[in-house]
Amino acid sequence: MPTTTIPIEDLMQGMITNLGDSLFDLSYRQPVLLVFLRHFGCTFCREALADISRKRASIEEKGTRIVFVHMADNEIAEQYFQKYNLPGAVHISDPACQYYAAFGLSKGTFTQLFGLSTWVRGFSAGVLDGHGIGPQLGDGFQMPGIFVLVNGKVRDSFIHKLASDRPDYEGLVECCTV
């Protein structure tokens, strides 16, 4: 759960999307699946984008808005969202990782980032599934996470234990199907 001295409502009011909306306001319009990504060069970030792209229609049909948080500038992010068939993606740039930290997402340990199970999954996602790797576009040690927001509150979350964890995005939004 979020670990900030600033009330989460105030924090979300300051999180402005590429469309100019505050995350707080969006969460009052409809449930939000807030996806904090690893850097775009990471094979697991690319896998997450592909997974969400495949499940986007199902998630949105349940009345949930997907919002991404990333560490790149918005122009670079748009290129990746287009590449992974996520046109019109709503996103928030956080190159300093201040929102990551405020939501309790830490820097990864050696095991979380480079442990055996992460290497095995990395080979599968990067080589076998074709997600590859790219340039580091952000903090390579930053861990990802997912939060479901409703009316300015966190209703559910998935905090990655390993960089290679693969969340059930559709299952997360079941808590707030409209």
N, C-alpha and C. Protein backbone atom coordinates (compact mmCIF):
# COMPACT_ATOMS: atom_id res chain seq x y z
N MET A 1 0.83 -1.18 0.00
CA MET A 1 0.00 0.00 0.00
C MET A 1 0.88 1.25 0.00
N PRO A 2 0.32 2.36 -0.40
CA PRO A 2 1.10 3.60 -0.48
C PRO A 2 1.78 3.94 0.84
N THR A 3 3.02 4.42 0.74
CA THR A 3 3.79 4.79 1.93
C THR A 3 4.34 6.20 1.76
N THR A 4 3.49 7.18 1.91
CA THR A 4 3.91 8.55 1.76
C THR A 4 3.36 9.37 2.92
N THR A 5 4.05 10.44 3.24
CA THR A 5 3.54 11.33 4.29
C THR A 5 2.46 12.25 3.73
N ILE A 6 2.40 12.38 2.42
CA ILE A 6 1.34 13.16 1.76
C ILE A 6 0.11 12.26 1.66
N PRO A 7 -1.06 12.75 2.05
CA PRO A 7 -2.26 11.93 1.88
C PRO A 7 -2.39 11.46 0.43
N ILE A 8 -2.79 10.21 0.27
CA ILE A 8 -2.86 9.62 -1.08
C ILE A 8 -3.77 10.44 -2.00
N GLU A 9 -4.82 11.03 -1.45
CA GLU A 9 -5.73 11.84 -2.26
C GLU A 9 -4.99 13.06 -2.83
N ASP A 10 -4.16 13.70 -2.00
CA ASP A 10 -3.39 14.86 -2.47
C ASP A 10 -2.36 14.44 -3.51
N LEU A 11 -1.71 13.33 -3.25
CA LEU A 11 -0.73 12.81 -4.20
C LEU A 11 -1.38 12.56 -5.56
N MET A 12 -2.52 11.88 -5.56
CA MET A 12 -3.19 11.55 -6.83
C MET A 12 -3.70 12.80 -7.55
N GLN A 13 -4.02 13.85 -6.81
CA GLN A 13 -4.44 15.09 -7.47
C GLN A 13 -3.28 15.71 -8.24
N GLY A 14 -2.06 15.48 -7.80
CA GLY A 14 -0.89 15.99 -8.49
C GLY A 14 -0.36 15.09 -9.58
N MET A 15 -0.91 13.89 -9.71
CA MET A 15 -0.49 12.97 -10.77
C MET A 15 -1.33 13.25 -12.01
N ILE A 16 -0.74 13.99 -12.94
CA ILE A 16 -1.47 14.45 -14.13
C ILE A 16 -1.10 13.58 -15.33
N THR A 17 -2.12 13.10 -16.03
CA THR A 17 -1.91 12.23 -17.19
C THR A 17 -1.50 13.03 -18.42
N ASN A 18 -1.12 12.30 -19.44
CA ASN A 18 -0.77 12.92 -20.73
C ASN A 18 -1.96 13.66 -21.34
N LEU A 19 -3.17 13.39 -20.87
CA LEU A 19 -4.37 14.06 -21.36
C LEU A 19 -4.77 15.26 -20.50
N GLY A 20 -4.01 15.50 -19.42
CA GLY A 20 -4.27 16.65 -18.56
C GLY A 20 -5.22 16.39 -17.41
N ASP A 21 -5.63 15.15 -17.19
CA ASP A 21 -6.53 14.81 -16.09
C ASP A 21 -5.72 14.38 -14.88
N SER A 22 -6.23 14.68 -13.68
CA SER A 22 -5.57 14.16 -12.48
C SER A 22 -6.03 12.73 -12.26
N LEU A 23 -5.14 11.92 -11.72
CA LEU A 23 -5.47 10.53 -11.41
C LEU A 23 -6.63 10.48 -10.42
N PHE A 24 -6.64 11.40 -9.48
CA PHE A 24 -7.71 11.47 -8.49
C PHE A 24 -9.07 11.63 -9.18
N ASP A 25 -9.16 12.59 -10.10
CA ASP A 25 -10.43 12.83 -10.81
C ASP A 25 -10.84 11.61 -11.64
N LEU A 26 -9.86 11.00 -12.31
CA LEU A 26 -10.18 9.80 -13.11
C LEU A 26 -10.77 8.70 -12.23
N SER A 27 -10.23 8.54 -11.02
CA SER A 27 -10.69 7.46 -10.13
C SER A 27 -12.11 7.69 -9.63
N TYR A 28 -12.60 8.92 -9.73
CA TYR A 28 -13.99 9.21 -9.37
C TYR A 28 -14.93 9.01 -10.55
N ARG A 29 -14.39 9.03 -11.76
CA ARG A 29 -15.21 8.79 -12.96
C ARG A 29 -15.45 7.31 -13.19
N GLN A 30 -14.41 6.52 -12.92
CA GLN A 30 -14.49 5.07 -13.11
C GLN A 30 -13.30 4.43 -12.41
N PRO A 31 -13.38 3.13 -12.11
CA PRO A 31 -12.23 2.45 -11.51
C PRO A 31 -11.00 2.59 -12.42
N VAL A 32 -9.83 2.66 -11.82
CA VAL A 32 -8.58 2.81 -12.56
C VAL A 32 -7.66 1.64 -12.21
N LEU A 33 -7.13 1.01 -13.24
CA LEU A 33 -6.05 0.03 -13.08
C LEU A 33 -4.77 0.81 -13.33
N LEU A 34 -4.06 1.13 -12.24
CA LEU A 34 -2.85 1.93 -12.30
C LEU A 34 -1.65 1.00 -12.38
N VAL A 35 -0.97 1.01 -13.53
CA VAL A 35 0.12 0.08 -13.80
C VAL A 35 1.45 0.82 -13.79
N PHE A 36 2.25 0.57 -12.76
CA PHE A 36 3.60 1.12 -12.69
C PHE A 36 4.53 0.15 -13.42
N LEU A 37 5.11 0.61 -14.51
CA LEU A 37 5.96 -0.22 -15.36
C LEU A 37 7.43 -0.15 -14.93
N ARG A 38 8.18 -1.20 -15.27
CA ARG A 38 9.64 -1.09 -15.22
C ARG A 38 10.05 -0.26 -16.44
N HIS A 39 11.33 -0.03 -16.62
CA HIS A 39 11.77 0.78 -17.76
C HIS A 39 11.46 0.05 -19.08
N PHE A 40 11.22 0.82 -20.15
CA PHE A 40 10.76 0.26 -21.42
C PHE A 40 11.75 -0.69 -22.07
N GLY A 41 13.02 -0.67 -21.70
CA GLY A 41 13.98 -1.62 -22.25
C GLY A 41 13.90 -2.99 -21.60
N CYS A 42 13.22 -3.09 -20.49
CA CYS A 42 13.12 -4.34 -19.73
C CYS A 42 12.18 -5.31 -20.44
N THR A 43 12.62 -6.55 -20.57
CA THR A 43 11.79 -7.56 -21.23
C THR A 43 10.47 -7.77 -20.50
N PHE A 44 10.46 -7.63 -19.17
CA PHE A 44 9.22 -7.83 -18.41
C PHE A 44 8.27 -6.66 -18.58
N CYS A 45 8.79 -5.46 -18.77
CA CYS A 45 7.94 -4.32 -19.10
C CYS A 45 7.28 -4.55 -20.46
N ARG A 46 8.05 -5.01 -21.41
CA ARG A 46 7.52 -5.26 -22.75
C ARG A 46 6.48 -6.39 -22.71
N GLU A 47 6.74 -7.40 -21.90
CA GLU A 47 5.78 -8.49 -21.74
C GLU A 47 4.49 -7.96 -21.12
N ALA A 48 4.61 -7.08 -20.12
CA ALA A 48 3.43 -6.50 -19.47
C ALA A 48 2.62 -5.71 -20.48
N LEU A 49 3.28 -4.91 -21.32
CA LEU A 49 2.57 -4.15 -22.34
C LEU A 49 1.83 -5.08 -23.30
N ALA A 50 2.47 -6.17 -23.69
CA ALA A 50 1.82 -7.14 -24.59
C ALA A 50 0.63 -7.81 -23.90
N ASP A 51 0.80 -8.18 -22.64
CA ASP A 51 -0.29 -8.81 -21.88
C ASP A 51 -1.48 -7.86 -21.76
N ILE A 52 -1.21 -6.61 -21.39
CA ILE A 52 -2.29 -5.65 -21.22
C ILE A 52 -2.94 -5.33 -22.55
N SER A 53 -2.17 -5.27 -23.61
CA SER A 53 -2.74 -5.04 -24.93
C SER A 53 -3.75 -6.13 -25.29
N ARG A 54 -3.38 -7.38 -25.00
CA ARG A 54 -4.30 -8.50 -25.28
C ARG A 54 -5.54 -8.46 -24.40
N LYS A 55 -5.42 -7.95 -23.20
CA LYS A 55 -6.53 -7.97 -22.24
C LYS A 55 -7.24 -6.63 -22.12
N ARG A 56 -6.79 -5.64 -22.86
CA ARG A 56 -7.32 -4.28 -22.74
C ARG A 56 -8.83 -4.23 -22.94
N ALA A 57 -9.33 -4.84 -23.99
CA ALA A 57 -10.76 -4.78 -24.27
C ALA A 57 -11.56 -5.37 -23.12
N SER A 58 -11.14 -6.51 -22.62
CA SER A 58 -11.84 -7.16 -21.51
C SER A 58 -11.83 -6.29 -20.25
N ILE A 59 -10.70 -5.67 -19.95
CA ILE A 59 -10.59 -4.81 -18.77
C ILE A 59 -11.47 -3.58 -18.93
N GLU A 60 -11.43 -2.96 -20.10
CA GLU A 60 -12.22 -1.76 -20.33
C GLU A 60 -13.72 -2.06 -20.40
N GLU A 61 -14.08 -3.24 -20.90
CA GLU A 61 -15.50 -3.63 -20.92
C GLU A 61 -16.07 -3.76 -19.52
N LYS A 62 -15.20 -4.01 -18.55
CA LYS A 62 -15.64 -4.09 -17.15
C LYS A 62 -15.77 -2.71 -16.53
N GLY A 63 -15.53 -1.66 -17.30
CA GLY A 63 -15.68 -0.30 -16.82
C GLY A 63 -14.44 0.29 -16.20
N THR A 64 -13.30 -0.35 -16.37
CA THR A 64 -12.05 0.10 -15.74
C THR A 64 -11.18 0.82 -16.75
N ARG A 65 -10.58 1.92 -16.34
CA ARG A 65 -9.66 2.69 -17.15
C ARG A 65 -8.24 2.27 -16.80
N ILE A 66 -7.41 2.00 -17.78
CA ILE A 66 -6.01 1.64 -17.57
C ILE A 66 -5.18 2.92 -17.64
N VAL A 67 -4.34 3.13 -16.63
CA VAL A 67 -3.41 4.26 -16.61
C VAL A 67 -2.03 3.70 -16.29
N PHE A 68 -1.06 4.03 -17.13
CA PHE A 68 0.31 3.58 -16.95
C PHE A 68 1.15 4.68 -16.30
N VAL A 69 2.09 4.27 -15.46
CA VAL A 69 3.12 5.17 -14.94
C VAL A 69 4.44 4.62 -15.44
N HIS A 70 5.26 5.49 -16.02
CA HIS A 70 6.54 5.08 -16.61
C HIS A 70 7.61 6.09 -16.27
N MET A 71 8.85 5.76 -16.60
CA MET A 71 10.00 6.60 -16.25
C MET A 71 10.56 7.38 -17.44
N ALA A 72 9.97 7.26 -18.60
CA ALA A 72 10.47 7.92 -19.80
C ALA A 72 9.71 9.23 -20.03
N ASP A 73 10.16 9.99 -21.02
CA ASP A 73 9.36 11.16 -21.37
C ASP A 73 8.17 10.68 -22.21
N ASN A 74 7.15 11.50 -22.29
CA ASN A 74 5.90 11.07 -22.92
C ASN A 74 6.06 10.69 -24.39
N GLU A 75 6.94 11.36 -25.11
CA GLU A 75 7.13 11.05 -26.53
C GLU A 75 7.67 9.63 -26.72
N ILE A 76 8.65 9.27 -25.92
CA ILE A 76 9.21 7.92 -25.99
C ILE A 76 8.16 6.90 -25.57
N ALA A 77 7.43 7.21 -24.51
CA ALA A 77 6.38 6.30 -24.05
C ALA A 77 5.36 6.05 -25.15
N GLU A 78 4.95 7.09 -25.85
CA GLU A 78 3.97 6.94 -26.93
C GLU A 78 4.46 5.94 -27.99
N GLN A 79 5.75 5.96 -28.28
CA GLN A 79 6.31 5.02 -29.26
C GLN A 79 6.11 3.58 -28.80
N TYR A 80 6.34 3.33 -27.51
CA TYR A 80 6.17 1.97 -26.99
C TYR A 80 4.70 1.58 -26.93
N PHE A 81 3.84 2.50 -26.55
CA PHE A 81 2.40 2.17 -26.52
C PHE A 81 1.89 1.86 -27.92
N GLN A 82 2.37 2.58 -28.92
CA GLN A 82 1.99 2.28 -30.31
C GLN A 82 2.53 0.91 -30.73
N LYS A 83 3.80 0.66 -30.40
CA LYS A 83 4.43 -0.61 -30.77
C LYS A 83 3.67 -1.80 -30.20
N TYR A 84 3.13 -1.64 -29.00
CA TYR A 84 2.42 -2.75 -28.34
C TYR A 84 0.90 -2.63 -28.49
N ASN A 85 0.47 -1.93 -29.54
CA ASN A 85 -0.95 -1.83 -29.89
C ASN A 85 -1.79 -1.31 -28.72
N LEU A 86 -1.30 -0.24 -28.11
CA LEU A 86 -2.03 0.44 -27.05
C LEU A 86 -2.24 1.91 -27.43
N PRO A 87 -2.85 2.15 -28.61
CA PRO A 87 -3.05 3.54 -29.02
C PRO A 87 -3.97 4.26 -28.04
N GLY A 88 -3.71 5.53 -27.84
CA GLY A 88 -4.53 6.30 -26.93
C GLY A 88 -4.32 5.98 -25.47
N ALA A 89 -3.22 5.28 -25.15
CA ALA A 89 -2.94 4.91 -23.76
C ALA A 89 -2.86 6.17 -22.90
N VAL A 90 -3.46 6.08 -21.72
CA VAL A 90 -3.38 7.16 -20.75
C VAL A 90 -2.18 6.86 -19.86
N HIS A 91 -1.30 7.86 -19.67
CA HIS A 91 -0.08 7.58 -18.92
C HIS A 91 0.45 8.81 -18.21
N ILE A 92 1.32 8.53 -17.24
CA ILE A 92 1.93 9.55 -16.41
C ILE A 92 3.44 9.31 -16.41
N SER A 93 4.18 10.34 -16.73
CA SER A 93 5.64 10.24 -16.73
C SER A 93 6.17 10.56 -15.33
N ASP A 94 7.06 9.69 -14.84
CA ASP A 94 7.63 9.86 -13.49
C ASP A 94 9.12 9.48 -13.52
N PRO A 95 9.95 10.27 -14.22
CA PRO A 95 11.36 9.91 -14.34
C PRO A 95 12.11 9.89 -13.01
N ALA A 96 11.66 10.65 -12.03
CA ALA A 96 12.32 10.67 -10.72
C ALA A 96 11.81 9.56 -9.81
N CYS A 97 10.84 8.79 -10.26
CA CYS A 97 10.25 7.67 -9.51
C CYS A 97 9.63 8.11 -8.18
N GLN A 98 9.18 9.34 -8.10
CA GLN A 98 8.57 9.81 -6.86
C GLN A 98 7.22 9.16 -6.62
N TYR A 99 6.45 8.92 -7.67
CA TYR A 99 5.15 8.26 -7.49
C TYR A 99 5.34 6.78 -7.18
N TYR A 100 6.33 6.17 -7.79
CA TYR A 100 6.66 4.78 -7.46
C TYR A 100 6.89 4.65 -5.96
N ALA A 101 7.76 5.52 -5.44
CA ALA A 101 8.10 5.48 -4.01
C ALA A 101 6.88 5.77 -3.15
N ALA A 102 6.08 6.76 -3.54
CA ALA A 102 4.91 7.14 -2.75
C ALA A 102 3.90 6.00 -2.67
N PHE A 103 3.85 5.15 -3.70
CA PHE A 103 2.95 3.99 -3.68
C PHE A 103 3.62 2.76 -3.06
N GLY A 104 4.80 2.95 -2.49
CA GLY A 104 5.46 1.87 -1.77
C GLY A 104 6.25 0.91 -2.63
N LEU A 105 6.53 1.29 -3.87
CA LEU A 105 7.30 0.43 -4.77
C LEU A 105 8.78 0.73 -4.58
N SER A 106 9.52 -0.27 -4.18
CA SER A 106 10.93 -0.10 -3.81
C SER A 106 11.87 -0.39 -4.98
N LYS A 107 13.14 -0.19 -4.70
CA LYS A 107 14.19 -0.61 -5.62
C LYS A 107 14.39 -2.11 -5.40
N GLY A 108 14.66 -2.82 -6.47
CA GLY A 108 14.82 -4.26 -6.37
C GLY A 108 16.15 -4.68 -5.77
N THR A 109 16.12 -5.81 -5.09
CA THR A 109 17.34 -6.43 -4.58
C THR A 109 17.98 -7.23 -5.71
N PHE A 110 19.19 -7.71 -5.48
CA PHE A 110 19.86 -8.53 -6.48
C PHE A 110 19.00 -9.74 -6.86
N THR A 111 18.44 -10.42 -5.87
CA THR A 111 17.62 -11.61 -6.14
C THR A 111 16.35 -11.25 -6.91
N GLN A 112 15.70 -10.15 -6.57
CA GLN A 112 14.48 -9.75 -7.26
C GLN A 112 14.74 -9.44 -8.73
N LEU A 113 15.90 -8.89 -9.01
CA LEU A 113 16.21 -8.45 -10.37
C LEU A 113 17.01 -9.47 -11.17
N PHE A 114 17.89 -10.22 -10.51
CA PHE A 114 18.82 -11.08 -11.23
C PHE A 114 18.86 -12.52 -10.73
N GLY A 115 17.93 -12.91 -9.86
CA GLY A 115 17.91 -14.27 -9.33
C GLY A 115 17.62 -15.30 -10.41
N LEU A 116 17.82 -16.56 -10.06
CA LEU A 116 17.66 -17.65 -11.03
C LEU A 116 16.28 -17.67 -11.66
N SER A 117 15.22 -17.56 -10.86
CA SER A 117 13.87 -17.62 -11.44
C SER A 117 13.62 -16.44 -12.37
N THR A 118 14.22 -15.28 -12.06
CA THR A 118 14.07 -14.11 -12.93
C THR A 118 14.81 -14.35 -14.25
N TRP A 119 15.99 -14.95 -14.18
CA TRP A 119 16.74 -15.27 -15.40
C TRP A 119 15.98 -16.26 -16.28
N VAL A 120 15.41 -17.28 -15.66
CA VAL A 120 14.66 -18.29 -16.42
C VAL A 120 13.46 -17.65 -17.11
N ARG A 121 12.69 -16.85 -16.33
CA ARG A 121 11.54 -16.16 -16.93
C ARG A 121 11.99 -15.15 -17.97
N GLY A 122 13.13 -14.50 -17.72
CA GLY A 122 13.65 -13.53 -18.68
C GLY A 122 13.99 -14.18 -20.01
N PHE A 123 14.58 -15.36 -19.96
CA PHE A 123 14.88 -16.09 -21.19
C PHE A 123 13.58 -16.43 -21.92
N SER A 124 12.60 -16.90 -21.18
CA SER A 124 11.32 -17.26 -21.78
C SER A 124 10.64 -16.04 -22.41
N ALA A 125 10.53 -14.95 -21.65
CA ALA A 125 9.85 -13.75 -22.14
C ALA A 125 10.66 -13.05 -23.23
N GLY A 126 11.97 -12.94 -23.01
CA GLY A 126 12.82 -12.18 -23.92
C GLY A 126 13.15 -12.90 -25.21
N VAL A 127 13.50 -14.17 -25.10
CA VAL A 127 13.95 -14.93 -26.27
C VAL A 127 12.80 -15.74 -26.89
N LEU A 128 12.21 -16.60 -26.10
CA LEU A 128 11.18 -17.49 -26.64
C LEU A 128 9.92 -16.74 -27.07
N ASP A 129 9.50 -15.76 -26.27
CA ASP A 129 8.30 -15.00 -26.60
C ASP A 129 8.59 -13.76 -27.43
N GLY A 130 9.87 -13.45 -27.64
CA GLY A 130 10.26 -12.39 -28.56
C GLY A 130 10.18 -10.96 -28.03
N HIS A 131 10.13 -10.77 -26.73
CA HIS A 131 10.04 -9.40 -26.20
C HIS A 131 11.40 -8.72 -26.16
N GLY A 132 12.46 -9.47 -26.20
CA GLY A 132 13.81 -8.91 -26.27
C GLY A 132 14.12 -7.98 -25.13
N ILE A 133 15.20 -7.24 -25.30
CA ILE A 133 15.59 -6.21 -24.36
C ILE A 133 15.98 -4.98 -25.15
N GLY A 134 16.00 -3.87 -24.50
CA GLY A 134 16.34 -2.62 -25.18
C GLY A 134 17.13 -1.74 -24.26
N PRO A 135 17.30 -0.48 -24.65
CA PRO A 135 18.06 0.45 -23.82
C PRO A 135 17.34 0.72 -22.51
N GLN A 136 18.10 0.94 -21.47
CA GLN A 136 17.52 1.26 -20.18
C GLN A 136 16.96 2.68 -20.24
N LEU A 137 15.66 2.81 -20.13
CA LEU A 137 15.00 4.11 -20.19
C LEU A 137 14.36 4.41 -18.84
N GLY A 138 15.19 4.60 -17.86
CA GLY A 138 14.72 4.84 -16.50
C GLY A 138 15.60 4.08 -15.53
N ASP A 139 15.13 3.98 -14.30
CA ASP A 139 15.87 3.33 -13.24
C ASP A 139 15.74 1.82 -13.37
N GLY A 140 16.81 1.15 -13.71
CA GLY A 140 16.80 -0.29 -13.90
C GLY A 140 16.58 -1.08 -12.63
N PHE A 141 16.66 -0.43 -11.48
CA PHE A 141 16.45 -1.12 -10.21
C PHE A 141 15.02 -0.96 -9.69
N GLN A 142 14.23 -0.11 -10.33
CA GLN A 142 12.88 0.17 -9.85
C GLN A 142 11.95 -1.02 -10.08
N MET A 143 11.26 -1.42 -9.03
CA MET A 143 10.28 -2.51 -9.12
C MET A 143 8.93 -1.96 -9.57
N PRO A 144 8.16 -2.78 -10.28
CA PRO A 144 6.83 -2.38 -10.74
C PRO A 144 5.74 -2.75 -9.74
N GLY A 145 4.53 -2.38 -10.05
CA GLY A 145 3.37 -2.75 -9.23
C GLY A 145 2.09 -2.27 -9.89
N ILE A 146 0.97 -2.80 -9.41
CA ILE A 146 -0.33 -2.46 -9.96
C ILE A 146 -1.28 -2.15 -8.82
N PHE A 147 -2.10 -1.11 -9.02
CA PHE A 147 -3.07 -0.70 -8.01
C PHE A 147 -4.42 -0.49 -8.68
N VAL A 148 -5.49 -0.88 -8.01
CA VAL A 148 -6.84 -0.60 -8.47
C VAL A 148 -7.37 0.53 -7.61
N LEU A 149 -7.76 1.62 -8.25
CA LEU A 149 -8.21 2.82 -7.55
C LEU A 149 -9.70 3.05 -7.82
N VAL A 150 -10.43 3.36 -6.77
CA VAL A 150 -11.84 3.70 -6.88
C VAL A 150 -12.10 4.87 -5.94
N ASN A 151 -12.65 5.95 -6.48
CA ASN A 151 -13.00 7.13 -5.68
C ASN A 151 -11.85 7.59 -4.78
N GLY A 152 -10.66 7.66 -5.37
CA GLY A 152 -9.51 8.18 -4.66
C GLY A 152 -8.88 7.25 -3.65
N LYS A 153 -9.29 5.99 -3.63
CA LYS A 153 -8.78 5.01 -2.66
C LYS A 153 -8.22 3.79 -3.38
N VAL A 154 -7.22 3.15 -2.78
CA VAL A 154 -6.68 1.90 -3.31
C VAL A 154 -7.60 0.77 -2.86
N ARG A 155 -8.19 0.06 -3.82
CA ARG A 155 -9.08 -1.07 -3.52
C ARG A 155 -8.37 -2.41 -3.55
N ASP A 156 -7.36 -2.52 -4.40
CA ASP A 156 -6.60 -3.77 -4.50
C ASP A 156 -5.24 -3.42 -5.07
N SER A 157 -4.30 -4.35 -4.94
CA SER A 157 -2.96 -4.09 -5.47
C SER A 157 -2.23 -5.41 -5.71
N PHE A 158 -1.22 -5.31 -6.54
CA PHE A 158 -0.28 -6.40 -6.78
C PHE A 158 1.11 -5.78 -6.73
N ILE A 159 1.88 -6.15 -5.71
CA ILE A 159 3.25 -5.65 -5.57
C ILE A 159 4.19 -6.77 -5.99
N HIS A 160 4.96 -6.54 -7.01
CA HIS A 160 5.88 -7.55 -7.51
C HIS A 160 6.91 -7.95 -6.46
N LYS A 161 7.05 -9.24 -6.25
CA LYS A 161 8.12 -9.76 -5.39
C LYS A 161 9.39 -9.94 -6.20
N LEU A 162 9.22 -10.27 -7.49
CA LEU A 162 10.32 -10.41 -8.44
C LEU A 162 10.00 -9.55 -9.66
N ALA A 163 11.03 -9.07 -10.33
CA ALA A 163 10.81 -8.30 -11.56
C ALA A 163 10.05 -9.13 -12.58
N SER A 164 10.17 -10.44 -12.50
CA SER A 164 9.58 -11.35 -13.48
C SER A 164 8.15 -11.78 -13.16
N ASP A 165 7.58 -11.32 -12.04
CA ASP A 165 6.20 -11.70 -11.71
C ASP A 165 5.25 -11.27 -12.83
N ARG A 166 4.22 -12.09 -13.05
CA ARG A 166 3.26 -11.82 -14.12
C ARG A 166 1.86 -11.75 -13.51
N PRO A 167 1.37 -10.54 -13.25
CA PRO A 167 0.08 -10.39 -12.56
C PRO A 167 -1.11 -10.81 -13.41
N ASP A 168 -2.21 -11.07 -12.71
CA ASP A 168 -3.50 -11.35 -13.33
C ASP A 168 -4.26 -10.02 -13.40
N TYR A 169 -4.09 -9.28 -14.47
CA TYR A 169 -4.68 -7.96 -14.60
C TYR A 169 -6.21 -8.01 -14.55
N GLU A 170 -6.79 -8.97 -15.25
CA GLU A 170 -8.25 -9.09 -15.25
C GLU A 170 -8.78 -9.46 -13.87
N GLY A 171 -8.07 -10.33 -13.15
CA GLY A 171 -8.47 -10.69 -11.81
C GLY A 171 -8.44 -9.53 -10.85
N LEU A 172 -7.48 -8.65 -11.01
CA LEU A 172 -7.37 -7.48 -10.14
C LEU A 172 -8.59 -6.57 -10.23
N VAL A 173 -9.10 -6.39 -11.43
CA VAL A 173 -10.22 -5.45 -11.59
C VAL A 173 -11.57 -6.06 -11.20
N GLU A 174 -11.59 -7.34 -10.86
CA GLU A 174 -12.84 -7.97 -10.42
C GLU A 174 -13.40 -7.32 -9.17
N CYS A 175 -12.53 -6.70 -8.37
CA CYS A 175 -12.97 -6.08 -7.11
C CYS A 175 -13.91 -4.90 -7.34
N CYS A 176 -13.93 -4.38 -8.55
CA CYS A 176 -14.70 -3.15 -8.75
C CYS A 176 -15.43 -3.14 -10.09
N THR A 177 -15.87 -4.29 -10.56
CA THR A 177 -16.60 -4.34 -11.81
C THR A 177 -17.88 -3.54 -11.68
N VAL A 178 -18.08 -2.64 -12.63
CA VAL A 178 -19.28 -1.78 -12.60
C VAL A 178 -20.37 -2.36 -13.47
